[in-house]
Amino acid sequence: MIIDGFKLMVIGMGYVMLFLSIMVVVILLVAKALKPFAHLLEEKAAPPRRTPAAAADNKNLVAAAIAAVHMHRNRK
């Protein structure tokens, strides 16, 4: 009975391995077939927009970081 279980396990694992191998090959073939059309799917990223509020926030963050470093160094 245990031998039958091992046979079933090996057959099942074999089918899973075969299926996964075929799936990898198909994915690679589809990727090669669609490579000439990749430029159609690419999205061009818009440059980040800078607003005056964002610049003020950056100045406040820099000032806070400088103050924190200064306090840490003088805390002896």
N, C-alpha and C. Protein backbone atom coordinates (compact mmCIF):
# COMPACT_ATOMS: atom_id res chain seq x y z
N MET A 1 0.82 -1.19 0.00
CA MET A 1 0.00 0.00 0.00
C MET A 1 0.87 1.26 0.00
N ILE A 2 1.96 1.25 0.75
CA ILE A 2 2.86 2.41 0.77
C ILE A 2 3.55 2.55 -0.59
N ILE A 3 3.88 1.43 -1.21
CA ILE A 3 4.51 1.46 -2.53
C ILE A 3 3.56 2.12 -3.54
N ASP A 4 2.28 1.78 -3.45
CA ASP A 4 1.30 2.40 -4.35
C ASP A 4 1.22 3.91 -4.13
N GLY A 5 1.30 4.31 -2.87
CA GLY A 5 1.30 5.75 -2.57
C GLY A 5 2.51 6.45 -3.16
N PHE A 6 3.68 5.82 -3.06
CA PHE A 6 4.88 6.41 -3.66
C PHE A 6 4.78 6.47 -5.18
N LYS A 7 4.22 5.44 -5.79
CA LYS A 7 4.04 5.46 -7.25
C LYS A 7 3.12 6.61 -7.66
N LEU A 8 2.03 6.76 -6.93
CA LEU A 8 1.10 7.84 -7.22
C LEU A 8 1.76 9.20 -7.03
N MET A 9 2.57 9.33 -5.97
CA MET A 9 3.27 10.58 -5.71
C MET A 9 4.24 10.91 -6.85
N VAL A 10 5.00 9.93 -7.30
CA VAL A 10 5.98 10.16 -8.37
C VAL A 10 5.27 10.51 -9.67
N ILE A 11 4.18 9.81 -9.98
CA ILE A 11 3.43 10.11 -11.20
C ILE A 11 2.85 11.52 -11.12
N GLY A 12 2.28 11.88 -9.99
CA GLY A 12 1.71 13.22 -9.82
C GLY A 12 2.76 14.31 -9.93
N MET A 13 3.90 14.10 -9.28
CA MET A 13 4.97 15.09 -9.35
C MET A 13 5.53 15.17 -10.77
N GLY A 14 5.55 14.05 -11.48
CA GLY A 14 6.01 14.05 -12.86
C GLY A 14 5.10 14.87 -13.75
N TYR A 15 3.79 14.70 -13.58
CA TYR A 15 2.85 15.48 -14.38
C TYR A 15 2.97 16.98 -14.07
N VAL A 16 3.13 17.32 -12.80
CA VAL A 16 3.29 18.74 -12.43
C VAL A 16 4.56 19.30 -13.04
N MET A 17 5.64 18.56 -12.97
CA MET A 17 6.91 19.01 -13.54
C MET A 17 6.80 19.17 -15.05
N LEU A 18 6.13 18.24 -15.71
CA LEU A 18 5.93 18.32 -17.15
C LEU A 18 5.09 19.55 -17.51
N PHE A 19 4.01 19.77 -16.78
CA PHE A 19 3.16 20.93 -17.03
C PHE A 19 3.92 22.23 -16.83
N LEU A 20 4.67 22.35 -15.75
CA LEU A 20 5.42 23.58 -15.49
C LEU A 20 6.50 23.81 -16.55
N SER A 21 7.14 22.74 -16.99
CA SER A 21 8.16 22.87 -18.04
C SER A 21 7.55 23.36 -19.35
N ILE A 22 6.41 22.77 -19.71
CA ILE A 22 5.73 23.21 -20.93
C ILE A 22 5.28 24.67 -20.80
N MET A 23 4.81 25.05 -19.63
CA MET A 23 4.36 26.41 -19.42
C MET A 23 5.51 27.40 -19.56
N VAL A 24 6.68 27.07 -19.03
CA VAL A 24 7.85 27.95 -19.16
C VAL A 24 8.25 28.10 -20.62
N VAL A 25 8.26 27.01 -21.35
CA VAL A 25 8.62 27.06 -22.77
C VAL A 25 7.62 27.91 -23.54
N VAL A 26 6.33 27.75 -23.27
CA VAL A 26 5.31 28.54 -23.97
C VAL A 26 5.46 30.02 -23.63
N ILE A 27 5.72 30.35 -22.38
CA ILE A 27 5.90 31.75 -22.00
C ILE A 27 7.10 32.35 -22.71
N LEU A 28 8.21 31.62 -22.79
CA LEU A 28 9.38 32.12 -23.49
C LEU A 28 9.11 32.31 -24.98
N LEU A 29 8.39 31.38 -25.60
CA LEU A 29 8.06 31.51 -27.02
C LEU A 29 7.15 32.70 -27.28
N VAL A 30 6.17 32.90 -26.42
CA VAL A 30 5.26 34.04 -26.58
C VAL A 30 6.02 35.35 -26.38
N ALA A 31 6.95 35.39 -25.43
CA ALA A 31 7.74 36.59 -25.21
C ALA A 31 8.58 36.92 -26.44
N LYS A 32 9.18 35.91 -27.05
CA LYS A 32 9.96 36.13 -28.27
C LYS A 32 9.06 36.56 -29.43
N ALA A 33 7.88 35.99 -29.53
CA ALA A 33 6.97 36.33 -30.62
C ALA A 33 6.43 37.75 -30.49
N LEU A 34 6.24 38.23 -29.26
CA LEU A 34 5.67 39.56 -29.04
C LEU A 34 6.71 40.65 -28.86
N LYS A 35 7.98 40.29 -28.88
CA LYS A 35 9.04 41.29 -28.68
C LYS A 35 8.99 42.43 -29.69
N PRO A 36 8.68 42.20 -30.97
CA PRO A 36 8.60 43.32 -31.91
C PRO A 36 7.49 44.32 -31.58
N PHE A 37 6.50 43.90 -30.82
CA PHE A 37 5.38 44.77 -30.49
C PHE A 37 5.51 45.39 -29.09
N ALA A 38 6.65 45.24 -28.45
CA ALA A 38 6.83 45.73 -27.08
C ALA A 38 6.73 47.24 -27.01
N HIS A 39 7.17 47.93 -28.06
CA HIS A 39 7.13 49.40 -28.03
C HIS A 39 5.69 49.92 -27.98
N LEU A 40 4.74 49.15 -28.42
CA LEU A 40 3.34 49.57 -28.38
C LEU A 40 2.77 49.53 -26.97
N LEU A 41 3.35 48.71 -26.12
CA LEU A 41 2.83 48.54 -24.77
C LEU A 41 3.51 49.42 -23.74
N GLU A 42 4.63 50.05 -24.11
CA GLU A 42 5.37 50.86 -23.15
C GLU A 42 4.64 52.17 -22.88
N GLU A 43 4.59 52.53 -21.63
CA GLU A 43 4.00 53.80 -21.24
C GLU A 43 5.13 54.77 -20.94
N LYS A 44 5.03 55.95 -21.49
CA LYS A 44 6.05 56.95 -21.23
C LYS A 44 5.71 57.64 -19.91
N ALA A 45 6.69 57.66 -19.02
CA ALA A 45 6.47 58.25 -17.71
C ALA A 45 6.53 59.77 -17.82
N ALA A 46 5.56 60.41 -17.24
CA ALA A 46 5.55 61.88 -17.23
C ALA A 46 6.54 62.37 -16.18
N PRO A 47 7.26 63.44 -16.47
CA PRO A 47 8.20 63.95 -15.47
C PRO A 47 7.42 64.46 -14.26
N PRO A 48 7.99 64.31 -13.08
CA PRO A 48 7.28 64.76 -11.88
C PRO A 48 7.10 66.28 -11.92
N ARG A 49 5.93 66.72 -11.51
CA ARG A 49 5.63 68.14 -11.53
C ARG A 49 6.07 68.76 -10.22
N ARG A 50 6.78 69.86 -10.34
CA ARG A 50 7.24 70.59 -9.15
C ARG A 50 6.31 71.78 -8.92
N THR A 51 5.81 71.88 -7.72
CA THR A 51 4.96 73.01 -7.37
C THR A 51 5.67 73.83 -6.31
N PRO A 52 5.30 75.09 -6.16
CA PRO A 52 5.93 75.90 -5.11
C PRO A 52 5.74 75.32 -3.72
N ALA A 53 4.59 74.68 -3.49
CA ALA A 53 4.34 74.07 -2.18
C ALA A 53 5.32 72.92 -1.93
N ALA A 54 5.61 72.15 -2.98
CA ALA A 54 6.56 71.04 -2.82
C ALA A 54 7.96 71.58 -2.53
N ALA A 55 8.33 72.69 -3.17
CA ALA A 55 9.64 73.28 -2.90
C ALA A 55 9.73 73.77 -1.46
N ALA A 56 8.64 74.36 -0.96
CA ALA A 56 8.64 74.83 0.43
C ALA A 56 8.73 73.64 1.38
N ASP A 57 8.04 72.54 1.06
CA ASP A 57 8.12 71.35 1.89
C ASP A 57 9.53 70.80 1.92
N ASN A 58 10.20 70.81 0.77
CA ASN A 58 11.58 70.33 0.72
C ASN A 58 12.48 71.19 1.58
N LYS A 59 12.29 72.50 1.56
CA LYS A 59 13.10 73.40 2.39
C LYS A 59 12.87 73.11 3.86
N ASN A 60 11.61 72.88 4.23
CA ASN A 60 11.30 72.57 5.63
C ASN A 60 11.92 71.23 6.04
N LEU A 61 11.89 70.23 5.14
CA LEU A 61 12.49 68.94 5.46
C LEU A 61 13.99 69.05 5.62
N VAL A 62 14.64 69.82 4.76
CA VAL A 62 16.09 70.00 4.86
C VAL A 62 16.43 70.70 6.17
N ALA A 63 15.66 71.72 6.51
CA ALA A 63 15.92 72.44 7.75
C ALA A 63 15.73 71.52 8.96
N ALA A 64 14.70 70.69 8.93
CA ALA A 64 14.46 69.76 10.04
C ALA A 64 15.57 68.73 10.14
N ALA A 65 16.06 68.24 9.01
CA ALA A 65 17.15 67.26 9.03
C ALA A 65 18.43 67.88 9.58
N ILE A 66 18.72 69.10 9.17
CA ILE A 66 19.93 69.78 9.66
C ILE A 66 19.81 70.01 11.16
N ALA A 67 18.65 70.43 11.62
CA ALA A 67 18.46 70.65 13.05
C ALA A 67 18.60 69.35 13.83
N ALA A 68 18.08 68.25 13.31
CA ALA A 68 18.17 66.97 14.00
C ALA A 68 19.62 66.51 14.09
N VAL A 69 20.38 66.65 13.03
CA VAL A 69 21.80 66.27 13.05
C VAL A 69 22.56 67.15 14.04
N HIS A 70 22.26 68.44 14.03
CA HIS A 70 22.94 69.38 14.95
C HIS A 70 22.63 69.00 16.40
N MET A 71 21.36 68.70 16.71
CA MET A 71 21.00 68.32 18.08
C MET A 71 21.67 67.01 18.48
N HIS A 72 21.74 66.06 17.54
CA HIS A 72 22.35 64.77 17.85
C HIS A 72 23.84 64.92 18.15
N ARG A 73 24.52 65.75 17.40
CA ARG A 73 25.95 65.95 17.60
C ARG A 73 26.24 66.70 18.89
N ASN A 74 25.35 67.59 19.31
CA ASN A 74 25.59 68.39 20.50
C ASN A 74 25.02 67.76 21.76
N ARG A 75 24.51 66.56 21.71
CA ARG A 75 23.87 65.91 22.85
C ARG A 75 24.87 65.10 23.66
N LYS A 76 25.97 65.63 24.04
CA LYS A 76 26.99 64.89 24.79
C LYS A 76 26.90 65.13 26.26
